[in-house]
Amino acid sequence: MKEQRKAERIKVDLQARWEGAVAQHEGSIVDLSSTGCFILTNDRVNLGELIRIEIELFKDNWVFLWGEVVYQISEMGFALRFMGTDDEGQRALNEYLHWGIMMTRAPVKV
């Protein structure tokens, strides 16, 4: 499978709430970039479905985004491509990603 991601991503363990066409659900985000994420959940979605997602970046600090389902693994989860957020939400996401990328590149003291 060809790698299609255009933004650097980080491995995370973030709580998320999401709302699709039918109901509200919860899951865990395990992969995050400025352009999308992967959510672990056994709830069903449809390719192309528009999802409203809330991500807890820091304790009690939630960011609200819209995304389109671009990939799904049955009973495991799905990938979203972010479609938009407000300026404050985008700024918080970018700060979190910058911090996360810097932490993964930090030298390890032995």
PDB file of N, CA and C in Angstrom:
ATOM      1  N   MET A   1       0.846  -1.184   0.000  1.00  0.00           N
ATOM      2  CA  MET A   1       0.000   0.000   0.000  1.00  0.00           C
ATOM      3  C   MET A   1       0.886   1.240   0.000  1.00  0.00           C
ATOM      4  N   LYS A   2       0.602   2.177  -0.887  1.00  0.00           N
ATOM      5  CA  LYS A   2       1.412   3.382  -1.020  1.00  0.00           C
ATOM      6  C   LYS A   2       1.139   4.350   0.127  1.00  0.00           C
ATOM      7  N   GLU A   3       2.191   4.903   0.702  1.00  0.00           N
ATOM      8  CA  GLU A   3       2.084   5.898   1.769  1.00  0.00           C
ATOM      9  C   GLU A   3       1.534   7.194   1.192  1.00  0.00           C
ATOM     10  N   GLN A   4       0.388   7.671   1.735  1.00  0.00           N
ATOM     11  CA  GLN A   4      -0.250   8.868   1.209  1.00  0.00           C
ATOM     12  C   GLN A   4      -0.193  10.052   2.165  1.00  0.00           C
ATOM     13  N   ARG A   5       0.341   9.867   3.350  1.00  0.00           N
ATOM     14  CA  ARG A   5       0.339  10.944   4.335  1.00  0.00           C
ATOM     15  C   ARG A   5       1.297  12.048   3.914  1.00  0.00           C
ATOM     16  N   LYS A   6       0.845  13.292   4.113  1.00  0.00           N
ATOM     17  CA  LYS A   6       1.648  14.447   3.728  1.00  0.00           C
ATOM     18  C   LYS A   6       2.196  15.194   4.937  1.00  0.00           C
ATOM     19  N   ALA A   7       1.758  14.823   6.145  1.00  0.00           N
ATOM     20  CA  ALA A   7       2.181  15.520   7.359  1.00  0.00           C
ATOM     21  C   ALA A   7       2.820  14.525   8.321  1.00  0.00           C
ATOM     22  N   GLU A   8       3.789  15.017   9.067  1.00  0.00           N
ATOM     23  CA  GLU A   8       4.438  14.181  10.063  1.00  0.00           C
ATOM     24  C   GLU A   8       3.422  13.780  11.129  1.00  0.00           C
ATOM     25  N   ARG A   9       3.463  12.534  11.542  1.00  0.00           N
ATOM     26  CA  ARG A   9       2.507  12.029  12.524  1.00  0.00           C
ATOM     27  C   ARG A   9       3.236  11.506  13.746  1.00  0.00           C
ATOM     28  N   ILE A  10       2.491  11.458  14.830  1.00  0.00           N
ATOM     29  CA  ILE A  10       3.058  10.943  16.065  1.00  0.00           C
ATOM     30  C   ILE A  10       2.116   9.895  16.651  1.00  0.00           C
ATOM     31  N   LYS A  11       2.695   8.966  17.381  1.00  0.00           N
ATOM     32  CA  LYS A  11       1.912   7.968  18.114  1.00  0.00           C
ATOM     33  C   LYS A  11       1.436   8.622  19.397  1.00  0.00           C
ATOM     34  N   VAL A  12       0.158   8.456  19.699  1.00  0.00           N
ATOM     35  CA  VAL A  12      -0.435   9.075  20.880  1.00  0.00           C
ATOM     36  C   VAL A  12      -1.411   8.095  21.525  1.00  0.00           C
ATOM     37  N   ASP A  13      -1.906   8.471  22.671  1.00  0.00           N
ATOM     38  CA  ASP A  13      -2.994   7.764  23.340  1.00  0.00           C
ATOM     39  C   ASP A  13      -3.903   8.838  23.919  1.00  0.00           C
ATOM     40  N   LEU A  14      -4.804   9.340  23.081  1.00  0.00           N
ATOM     41  CA  LEU A  14      -5.669  10.447  23.462  1.00  0.00           C
ATOM     42  C   LEU A  14      -7.125  10.009  23.443  1.00  0.00           C
ATOM     43  N   GLN A  15      -7.874  10.465  24.420  1.00  0.00           N
ATOM     44  CA  GLN A  15      -9.307  10.184  24.450  1.00  0.00           C
ATOM     45  C   GLN A  15     -10.010  11.066  23.424  1.00  0.00           C
ATOM     46  N   ALA A  16     -11.030  10.499  22.806  1.00  0.00           N
ATOM     47  CA  ALA A  16     -11.795  11.237  21.810  1.00  0.00           C
ATOM     48  C   ALA A  16     -13.273  10.882  21.906  1.00  0.00           C
ATOM     49  N   ARG A  17     -14.082  11.862  21.599  1.00  0.00           N
ATOM     50  CA  ARG A  17     -15.521  11.654  21.437  1.00  0.00           C
ATOM     51  C   ARG A  17     -15.832  12.046  20.005  1.00  0.00           C
ATOM     52  N   TRP A  18     -16.647  11.257  19.349  1.00  0.00           N
ATOM     53  CA  TRP A  18     -16.979  11.585  17.972  1.00  0.00           C
ATOM     54  C   TRP A  18     -18.446  11.326  17.699  1.00  0.00           C
ATOM     55  N   GLU A  19     -18.939  12.076  16.736  1.00  0.00           N
ATOM     56  CA  GLU A  19     -20.349  12.013  16.391  1.00  0.00           C
ATOM     57  C   GLU A  19     -20.470  11.873  14.880  1.00  0.00           C
ATOM     58  N   GLY A  20     -21.122  10.804  14.476  1.00  0.00           N
ATOM     59  CA  GLY A  20     -21.356  10.578  13.058  1.00  0.00           C
ATOM     60  C   GLY A  20     -22.794  10.868  12.699  1.00  0.00           C
ATOM     61  N   ALA A  21     -23.262  10.260  11.636  1.00  0.00           N
ATOM     62  CA  ALA A  21     -24.618  10.494  11.166  1.00  0.00           C
ATOM     63  C   ALA A  21     -25.662   9.886  12.087  1.00  0.00           C
ATOM     64  N   VAL A  22     -25.314   8.839  12.837  1.00  0.00           N
ATOM     65  CA  VAL A  22     -26.303   8.093  13.607  1.00  0.00           C
ATOM     66  C   VAL A  22     -26.217   8.324  15.111  1.00  0.00           C
ATOM     67  N   ALA A  23     -25.019   8.347  15.686  1.00  0.00           N
ATOM     68  CA  ALA A  23     -24.906   8.387  17.145  1.00  0.00           C
ATOM     69  C   ALA A  23     -23.579   9.000  17.579  1.00  0.00           C
ATOM     70  N   GLN A  24     -23.450   9.170  18.899  1.00  0.00           N
ATOM     71  CA  GLN A  24     -22.207   9.642  19.504  1.00  0.00           C
ATOM     72  C   GLN A  24     -21.453   8.443  20.071  1.00  0.00           C
ATOM     73  N   HIS A  25     -20.116   8.492  19.975  1.00  0.00           N
ATOM     74  CA  HIS A  25     -19.284   7.384  20.419  1.00  0.00           C
ATOM     75  C   HIS A  25     -18.023   7.923  21.075  1.00  0.00           C
ATOM     76  N   GLU A  26     -17.263   7.023  21.680  1.00  0.00           N
ATOM     77  CA  GLU A  26     -15.956   7.356  22.245  1.00  0.00           C
ATOM     78  C   GLU A  26     -14.925   6.389  21.705  1.00  0.00           C
ATOM     79  N   GLY A  27     -13.678   6.832  21.693  1.00  0.00           N
ATOM     80  CA  GLY A  27     -12.590   5.987  21.233  1.00  0.00           C
ATOM     81  C   GLY A  27     -11.260   6.564  21.669  1.00  0.00           C
ATOM     82  N   SER A  28     -10.201   5.931  21.216  1.00  0.00           N
ATOM     83  CA  SER A  28      -8.846   6.391  21.520  1.00  0.00           C
ATOM     84  C   SER A  28      -8.108   6.686  20.230  1.00  0.00           C
ATOM     85  N   ILE A  29      -7.511   7.853  20.176  1.00  0.00           N
ATOM     86  CA  ILE A  29      -6.689   8.206  19.024  1.00  0.00           C
ATOM     87  C   ILE A  29      -5.286   7.675  19.278  1.00  0.00           C
ATOM     88  N   VAL A  30      -4.746   6.919  18.305  1.00  0.00           N
ATOM     89  CA  VAL A  30      -3.435   6.314  18.468  1.00  0.00           C
ATOM     90  C   VAL A  30      -2.401   6.868  17.490  1.00  0.00           C
ATOM     91  N   ASP A  31      -2.846   7.666  16.534  1.00  0.00           N
ATOM     92  CA  ASP A  31      -1.975   8.209  15.508  1.00  0.00           C
ATOM     93  C   ASP A  31      -2.542   9.586  15.153  1.00  0.00           C
ATOM     94  N   LEU A  32      -1.694  10.624  15.180  1.00  0.00           N
ATOM     95  CA  LEU A  32      -2.197  11.980  14.990  1.00  0.00           C
ATOM     96  C   LEU A  32      -1.225  12.801  14.156  1.00  0.00           C
ATOM     97  N   SER A  33      -1.781  13.602  13.248  1.00  0.00           N
ATOM     98  CA  SER A  33      -0.997  14.570  12.492  1.00  0.00           C
ATOM     99  C   SER A  33      -1.854  15.817  12.328  1.00  0.00           C
ATOM    100  N   SER A  34      -1.313  16.819  11.669  1.00  0.00           N
ATOM    101  CA  SER A  34      -2.083  18.038  11.445  1.00  0.00           C
ATOM    102  C   SER A  34      -3.187  17.833  10.416  1.00  0.00           C
ATOM    103  N   THR A  35      -3.127  16.734   9.675  1.00  0.00           N
ATOM    104  CA  THR A  35      -4.112  16.488   8.624  1.00  0.00           C
ATOM    105  C   THR A  35      -5.087  15.360   8.929  1.00  0.00           C
ATOM    106  N   GLY A  36      -4.861  14.609  10.018  1.00  0.00           N
ATOM    107  CA  GLY A  36      -5.774  13.514  10.317  1.00  0.00           C
ATOM    108  C   GLY A  36      -5.353  12.689  11.510  1.00  0.00           C
ATOM    109  N   CYS A  37      -6.112  11.598  11.729  1.00  0.00           N
ATOM    110  CA  CYS A  37      -5.840  10.721  12.860  1.00  0.00           C
ATOM    111  C   CYS A  37      -6.431   9.340  12.612  1.00  0.00           C
ATOM    112  N   PHE A  38      -6.034   8.380  13.466  1.00  0.00           N
ATOM    113  CA  PHE A  38      -6.646   7.051  13.467  1.00  0.00           C
ATOM    114  C   PHE A  38      -7.271   6.841  14.834  1.00  0.00           C
ATOM    115  N   ILE A  39      -8.537   6.412  14.839  1.00  0.00           N
ATOM    116  CA  ILE A  39      -9.302   6.226  16.068  1.00  0.00           C
ATOM    117  C   ILE A  39      -9.577   4.751  16.275  1.00  0.00           C
ATOM    118  N   LEU A  40      -9.165   4.220  17.438  1.00  0.00           N
ATOM    119  CA  LEU A  40      -9.504   2.856  17.808  1.00  0.00           C
ATOM    120  C   LEU A  40     -10.923   2.835  18.358  1.00  0.00           C
ATOM    121  N   THR A  41     -11.796   2.075  17.716  1.00  0.00           N
ATOM    122  CA  THR A  41     -13.173   1.916  18.148  1.00  0.00           C
ATOM    123  C   THR A  41     -13.778   0.752  17.376  1.00  0.00           C
ATOM    124  N   ASN A  42     -14.706   0.057  17.980  1.00  0.00           N
ATOM    125  CA  ASN A  42     -15.374  -1.008  17.236  1.00  0.00           C
ATOM    126  C   ASN A  42     -16.694  -0.524  16.647  1.00  0.00           C
ATOM    127  N   ASP A  43     -16.984   0.777  16.781  1.00  0.00           N
ATOM    128  CA  ASP A  43     -18.193   1.353  16.211  1.00  0.00           C
ATOM    129  C   ASP A  43     -18.044   1.488  14.697  1.00  0.00           C
ATOM    130  N   ARG A  44     -19.148   1.391  14.002  1.00  0.00           N
ATOM    131  CA  ARG A  44     -19.149   1.410  12.536  1.00  0.00           C
ATOM    132  C   ARG A  44     -19.302   2.835  11.985  1.00  0.00           C
ATOM    133  N   VAL A  45     -18.581   3.083  10.904  1.00  0.00           N
ATOM    134  CA  VAL A  45     -18.700   4.321  10.144  1.00  0.00           C
ATOM    135  C   VAL A  45     -18.721   3.956   8.659  1.00  0.00           C
ATOM    136  N   ASN A  46     -18.988   4.907   7.824  1.00  0.00           N
ATOM    137  CA  ASN A  46     -18.987   4.691   6.375  1.00  0.00           C
ATOM    138  C   ASN A  46     -17.903   5.535   5.730  1.00  0.00           C
ATOM    139  N   LEU A  47     -17.251   4.988   4.709  1.00  0.00           N
ATOM    140  CA  LEU A  47     -16.266   5.772   3.975  1.00  0.00           C
ATOM    141  C   LEU A  47     -16.921   7.034   3.443  1.00  0.00           C
ATOM    142  N   GLY A  48     -16.232   8.145   3.589  1.00  0.00           N
ATOM    143  CA  GLY A  48     -16.749   9.422   3.131  1.00  0.00           C
ATOM    144  C   GLY A  48     -17.649  10.125   4.136  1.00  0.00           C
ATOM    145  N   GLU A  49     -17.973   9.437   5.242  1.00  0.00           N
ATOM    146  CA  GLU A  49     -18.856  10.032   6.256  1.00  0.00           C
ATOM    147  C   GLU A  49     -18.171  11.216   6.926  1.00  0.00           C
ATOM    148  N   LEU A  50     -18.921  12.267   7.176  1.00  0.00           N
ATOM    149  CA  LEU A  50     -18.411  13.445   7.869  1.00  0.00           C
ATOM    150  C   LEU A  50     -18.583  13.232   9.368  1.00  0.00           C
ATOM    151  N   ILE A  51     -17.498  13.390  10.115  1.00  0.00           N
ATOM    152  CA  ILE A  51     -17.463  13.130  11.561  1.00  0.00           C
ATOM    153  C   ILE A  51     -17.070  14.411  12.287  1.00  0.00           C
ATOM    154  N   ARG A  52     -17.769  14.700  13.376  1.00  0.00           N
ATOM    155  CA  ARG A  52     -17.360  15.783  14.282  1.00  0.00           C
ATOM    156  C   ARG A  52     -16.637  15.105  15.432  1.00  0.00           C
ATOM    157  N   ILE A  53     -15.401  15.499  15.679  1.00  0.00           N
ATOM    158  CA  ILE A  53     -14.592  14.842  16.700  1.00  0.00           C
ATOM    159  C   ILE A  53     -14.103  15.851  17.730  1.00  0.00           C
ATOM    160  N   GLU A  54     -14.055  15.400  18.978  1.00  0.00           N
ATOM    161  CA  GLU A  54     -13.505  16.178  20.080  1.00  0.00           C
ATOM    162  C   GLU A  54     -12.324  15.383  20.624  1.00  0.00           C
ATOM    163  N   ILE A  55     -11.164  16.020  20.694  1.00  0.00           N
ATOM    164  CA  ILE A  55      -9.937  15.354  21.150  1.00  0.00           C
ATOM    165  C   ILE A  55      -9.452  16.040  22.412  1.00  0.00           C
ATOM    166  N   GLU A  56      -9.168  15.251  23.445  1.00  0.00           N
ATOM    167  CA  GLU A  56      -8.627  15.806  24.688  1.00  0.00           C
ATOM    168  C   GLU A  56      -7.101  15.828  24.566  1.00  0.00           C
ATOM    169  N   LEU A  57      -6.553  16.972  24.125  1.00  0.00           N
ATOM    170  CA  LEU A  57      -5.111  17.091  23.934  1.00  0.00           C
ATOM    171  C   LEU A  57      -4.368  17.113  25.257  1.00  0.00           C
ATOM    172  N   PHE A  58      -4.867  17.879  26.189  1.00  0.00           N
ATOM    173  CA  PHE A  58      -4.313  17.942  27.530  1.00  0.00           C
ATOM    174  C   PHE A  58      -5.493  17.778  28.482  1.00  0.00           C
ATOM    175  N   LYS A  59      -5.245  17.534  29.741  1.00  0.00           N
ATOM    176  CA  LYS A  59      -6.330  17.308  30.696  1.00  0.00           C
ATOM    177  C   LYS A  59      -7.344  18.459  30.640  1.00  0.00           C
ATOM    178  N   ASP A  60      -8.583  18.082  30.380  1.00  0.00           N
ATOM    179  CA  ASP A  60      -9.705  19.032  30.295  1.00  0.00           C
ATOM    180  C   ASP A  60      -9.527  20.099  29.218  1.00  0.00           C
ATOM    181  N   ASN A  61      -8.675  19.859  28.237  1.00  0.00           N
ATOM    182  CA  ASN A  61      -8.487  20.773  27.110  1.00  0.00           C
ATOM    183  C   ASN A  61      -8.879  20.035  25.832  1.00  0.00           C
ATOM    184  N   TRP A  62     -10.122  20.251  25.388  1.00  0.00           N
ATOM    185  CA  TRP A  62     -10.675  19.559  24.230  1.00  0.00           C
ATOM    186  C   TRP A  62     -10.615  20.447  22.990  1.00  0.00           C
ATOM    187  N   VAL A  63     -10.280  19.839  21.862  1.00  0.00           N
ATOM    188  CA  VAL A  63     -10.263  20.516  20.572  1.00  0.00           C
ATOM    189  C   VAL A  63     -11.354  19.878  19.710  1.00  0.00           C
ATOM    190  N   PHE A  64     -12.090  20.698  18.987  1.00  0.00           N
ATOM    191  CA  PHE A  64     -13.182  20.235  18.140  1.00  0.00           C
ATOM    192  C   PHE A  64     -12.772  20.356  16.681  1.00  0.00           C
ATOM    193  N   LEU A  65     -12.926  19.258  15.928  1.00  0.00           N
ATOM    194  CA  LEU A  65     -12.559  19.235  14.518  1.00  0.00           C
ATOM    195  C   LEU A  65     -13.630  18.506  13.711  1.00  0.00           C
ATOM    196  N   TRP A  66     -13.607  18.722  12.407  1.00  0.00           N
ATOM    197  CA  TRP A  66     -14.429  17.973  11.475  1.00  0.00           C
ATOM    198  C   TRP A  66     -13.492  17.133  10.623  1.00  0.00           C
ATOM    199  N   GLY A  67     -13.915  15.925  10.298  1.00  0.00           N
ATOM    200  CA  GLY A  67     -13.102  15.068   9.451  1.00  0.00           C
ATOM    201  C   GLY A  67     -13.946  14.162   8.588  1.00  0.00           C
ATOM    202  N   GLU A  68     -13.318  13.650   7.545  1.00  0.00           N
ATOM    203  CA  GLU A  68     -13.956  12.714   6.636  1.00  0.00           C
ATOM    204  C   GLU A  68     -13.316  11.341   6.821  1.00  0.00           C
ATOM    205  N   VAL A  69     -14.138  10.302   6.925  1.00  0.00           N
ATOM    206  CA  VAL A  69     -13.633   8.934   7.056  1.00  0.00           C
ATOM    207  C   VAL A  69     -12.993   8.543   5.724  1.00  0.00           C
ATOM    208  N   VAL A  70     -11.697   8.199   5.758  1.00  0.00           N
ATOM    209  CA  VAL A  70     -10.982   7.846   4.530  1.00  0.00           C
ATOM    210  C   VAL A  70     -10.532   6.390   4.506  1.00  0.00           C
ATOM    211  N   TYR A  71     -10.618   5.710   5.664  1.00  0.00           N
ATOM    212  CA  TYR A  71     -10.153   4.329   5.746  1.00  0.00           C
ATOM    213  C   TYR A  71     -10.800   3.698   6.965  1.00  0.00           C
ATOM    214  N   GLN A  72     -11.138   2.418   6.876  1.00  0.00           N
ATOM    215  CA  GLN A  72     -11.740   1.735   8.013  1.00  0.00           C
ATOM    216  C   GLN A  72     -11.249   0.298   8.081  1.00  0.00           C
ATOM    217  N   ILE A  73     -10.971  -0.164   9.295  1.00  0.00           N
ATOM    218  CA  ILE A  73     -10.663  -1.563   9.550  1.00  0.00           C
ATOM    219  C   ILE A  73     -11.777  -2.076  10.453  1.00  0.00           C
ATOM    220  N   SER A  74     -12.558  -3.003   9.957  1.00  0.00           N
ATOM    221  CA  SER A  74     -13.728  -3.501  10.670  1.00  0.00           C
ATOM    222  C   SER A  74     -13.395  -3.933  12.090  1.00  0.00           C
ATOM    223  N   GLU A  75     -14.183  -3.483  13.039  1.00  0.00           N
ATOM    224  CA  GLU A  75     -14.070  -3.797  14.464  1.00  0.00           C
ATOM    225  C   GLU A  75     -12.740  -3.380  15.081  1.00  0.00           C
ATOM    226  N   MET A  76     -11.996  -2.499  14.403  1.00  0.00           N
ATOM    227  CA  MET A  76     -10.745  -1.989  14.958  1.00  0.00           C
ATOM    228  C   MET A  76     -10.746  -0.473  15.036  1.00  0.00           C
ATOM    229  N   GLY A  77     -11.131   0.190  13.946  1.00  0.00           N
ATOM    230  CA  GLY A  77     -11.121   1.638  13.956  1.00  0.00           C
ATOM    231  C   GLY A  77     -11.168   2.230  12.565  1.00  0.00           C
ATOM    232  N   PHE A  78     -10.930   3.546  12.506  1.00  0.00           N
ATOM    233  CA  PHE A  78     -10.992   4.234  11.221  1.00  0.00           C
ATOM    234  C   PHE A  78     -10.073   5.443  11.211  1.00  0.00           C
ATOM    235  N   ALA A  79      -9.731   5.863  10.000  1.00  0.00           N
ATOM    236  CA  ALA A  79      -8.877   7.029   9.797  1.00  0.00           C
ATOM    237  C   ALA A  79      -9.725   8.197   9.317  1.00  0.00           C
ATOM    238  N   LEU A  80      -9.409   9.365   9.854  1.00  0.00           N
ATOM    239  CA  LEU A  80     -10.070  10.606   9.462  1.00  0.00           C
ATOM    240  C   LEU A  80      -9.080  11.528   8.791  1.00  0.00           C
ATOM    241  N   ARG A  81      -9.530  12.231   7.769  1.00  0.00           N
ATOM    242  CA  ARG A  81      -8.780  13.351   7.207  1.00  0.00           C
ATOM    243  C   ARG A  81      -9.488  14.601   7.711  1.00  0.00           C
ATOM    244  N   PHE A  82      -8.770  15.432   8.456  1.00  0.00           N
ATOM    245  CA  PHE A  82      -9.382  16.637   9.016  1.00  0.00           C
ATOM    246  C   PHE A  82      -9.822  17.570   7.899  1.00  0.00           C
ATOM    247  N   MET A  83     -11.022  18.133   8.092  1.00  0.00           N
ATOM    248  CA  MET A  83     -11.608  19.027   7.100  1.00  0.00           C
ATOM    249  C   MET A  83     -11.651  20.468   7.595  1.00  0.00           C
ATOM    250  N   GLY A  84     -11.523  20.681   8.907  1.00  0.00           N
ATOM    251  CA  GLY A  84     -11.540  22.044   9.383  1.00  0.00           C
ATOM    252  C   GLY A  84     -11.793  22.159  10.871  1.00  0.00           C
ATOM    253  N   THR A  85     -11.408  23.300  11.398  1.00  0.00           N
ATOM    254  CA  THR A  85     -11.624  23.663  12.783  1.00  0.00           C
ATOM    255  C   THR A  85     -11.510  25.179  12.868  1.00  0.00           C
ATOM    256  N   ASP A  86     -11.757  25.715  14.045  1.00  0.00           N
ATOM    257  CA  ASP A  86     -11.561  27.155  14.210  1.00  0.00           C
ATOM    258  C   ASP A  86     -10.082  27.443  14.449  1.00  0.00           C
ATOM    259  N   ASP A  87      -9.717  28.721  14.425  1.00  0.00           N
ATOM    260  CA  ASP A  87      -8.304  29.102  14.584  1.00  0.00           C
ATOM    261  C   ASP A  87      -7.727  28.625  15.908  1.00  0.00           C
ATOM    262  N   GLU A  88      -8.504  28.748  16.980  1.00  0.00           N
ATOM    263  CA  GLU A  88      -8.029  28.327  18.305  1.00  0.00           C
ATOM    264  C   GLU A  88      -7.772  26.826  18.341  1.00  0.00           C
ATOM    265  N   GLY A  89      -8.675  26.061  17.759  1.00  0.00           N
ATOM    266  CA  GLY A  89      -8.505  24.611  17.716  1.00  0.00           C
ATOM    267  C   GLY A  89      -7.291  24.206  16.904  1.00  0.00           C
ATOM    268  N   GLN A  90      -7.096  24.844  15.765  1.00  0.00           N
ATOM    269  CA  GLN A  90      -5.938  24.537  14.920  1.00  0.00           C
ATOM    270  C   GLN A  90      -4.640  24.903  15.623  1.00  0.00           C
ATOM    271  N   ARG A  91      -4.641  26.031  16.321  1.00  0.00           N
ATOM    272  CA  ARG A  91      -3.447  26.455  17.059  1.00  0.00           C
ATOM    273  C   ARG A  91      -3.107  25.448  18.160  1.00  0.00           C
ATOM    274  N   ALA A  92      -4.124  24.983  18.905  1.00  0.00           N
ATOM    275  CA  ALA A  92      -3.896  24.005  19.977  1.00  0.00           C
ATOM    276  C   ALA A  92      -3.373  22.690  19.403  1.00  0.00           C
ATOM    277  N   LEU A  93      -3.948  22.245  18.299  1.00  0.00           N
ATOM    278  CA  LEU A  93      -3.482  21.012  17.662  1.00  0.00           C
ATOM    279  C   LEU A  93      -2.035  21.162  17.201  1.00  0.00           C
ATOM    280  N   ASN A  94      -1.706  22.274  16.561  1.00  0.00           N
ATOM    281  CA  ASN A  94      -0.336  22.494  16.092  1.00  0.00           C
ATOM    282  C   ASN A  94       0.658  22.540  17.248  1.00  0.00           C
ATOM    283  N   GLU A  95       0.291  23.190  18.347  1.00  0.00           N
ATOM    284  CA  GLU A  95       1.174  23.239  19.524  1.00  0.00           C
ATOM    285  C   GLU A  95       1.390  21.849  20.099  1.00  0.00           C
ATOM    286  N   TYR A  96       0.329  21.073  20.201  1.00  0.00           N
ATOM    287  CA  TYR A  96       0.450  19.709  20.726  1.00  0.00           C
ATOM    288  C   TYR A  96       1.361  18.870  19.834  1.00  0.00           C
ATOM    289  N   LEU A  97       1.168  18.958  18.524  1.00  0.00           N
ATOM    290  CA  LEU A  97       1.988  18.190  17.589  1.00  0.00           C
ATOM    291  C   LEU A  97       3.449  18.628  17.640  1.00  0.00           C
ATOM    292  N   HIS A  98       3.689  19.926  17.728  1.00  0.00           N
ATOM    293  CA  HIS A  98       5.061  20.428  17.834  1.00  0.00           C
ATOM    294  C   HIS A  98       5.734  19.855  19.087  1.00  0.00           C
ATOM    295  N   TRP A  99       5.023  19.899  20.206  1.00  0.00           N
ATOM    296  CA  TRP A  99       5.542  19.346  21.462  1.00  0.00           C
ATOM    297  C   TRP A  99       5.812  17.845  21.308  1.00  0.00           C
ATOM    298  N   GLY A 100       4.873  17.116  20.726  1.00  0.00           N
ATOM    299  CA  GLY A 100       5.022  15.673  20.562  1.00  0.00           C
ATOM    300  C   GLY A 100       6.173  15.303  19.646  1.00  0.00           C
ATOM    301  N   ILE A 101       6.339  16.040  18.557  1.00  0.00           N
ATOM    302  CA  ILE A 101       7.435  15.769  17.631  1.00  0.00           C
ATOM    303  C   ILE A 101       8.769  16.060  18.298  1.00  0.00           C
ATOM    304  N   MET A 102       8.849  17.159  19.040  1.00  0.00           N
ATOM    305  CA  MET A 102      10.092  17.491  19.743  1.00  0.00           C
ATOM    306  C   MET A 102      10.443  16.428  20.773  1.00  0.00           C
ATOM    307  N   MET A 103       9.445  15.887  21.455  1.00  0.00           N
ATOM    308  CA  MET A 103       9.696  14.854  22.473  1.00  0.00           C
ATOM    309  C   MET A 103      10.217  13.573  21.837  1.00  0.00           C
ATOM    310  N   THR A 104       9.730  13.228  20.661  1.00  0.00           N
ATOM    311  CA  THR A 104      10.199  12.005  20.007  1.00  0.00           C
ATOM    312  C   THR A 104      11.605  12.161  19.451  1.00  0.00           C
ATOM    313  N   ARG A 105      12.036  13.394  19.240  1.00  0.00           N
ATOM    314  CA  ARG A 105      13.378  13.648  18.712  1.00  0.00           C
ATOM    315  C   ARG A 105      14.386  13.985  19.805  1.00  0.00           C
ATOM    316  N   ALA A 106      13.920  14.139  21.026  1.00  0.00           N
ATOM    317  CA  ALA A 106      14.807  14.517  22.129  1.00  0.00           C
ATOM    318  C   ALA A 106      15.826  13.397  22.378  1.00  0.00           C
ATOM    319  N   PRO A 107      17.066  13.767  22.617  1.00  0.00           N
ATOM    320  CA  PRO A 107      18.079  12.742  22.914  1.00  0.00           C
ATOM    321  C   PRO A 107      17.775  12.043  24.233  1.00  0.00           C
ATOM    322  N   VAL A 108      18.058  10.762  24.251  1.00  0.00           N
ATOM    323  CA  VAL A 108      17.835   9.966  25.457  1.00  0.00           C
ATOM    324  C   VAL A 108      19.121   9.949  26.258  1.00  0.00           C
ATOM    325  N   LYS A 109      19.035  10.288  27.548  1.00  0.00           N
ATOM    326  CA  LYS A 109      20.209  10.243  28.419  1.00  0.00           C
ATOM    327  C   LYS A 109      20.385   8.826  28.935  1.00  0.00           C
ATOM    328  N   VAL A 110      21.633   8.361  28.844  1.00  0.00           N
ATOM    329  CA  VAL A 110      21.930   6.993  29.273  1.00  0.00           C
ATOM    330  C   VAL A 110      22.782   7.022  30.508  1.00  0.00           C
TER     331      VAL A 110
END
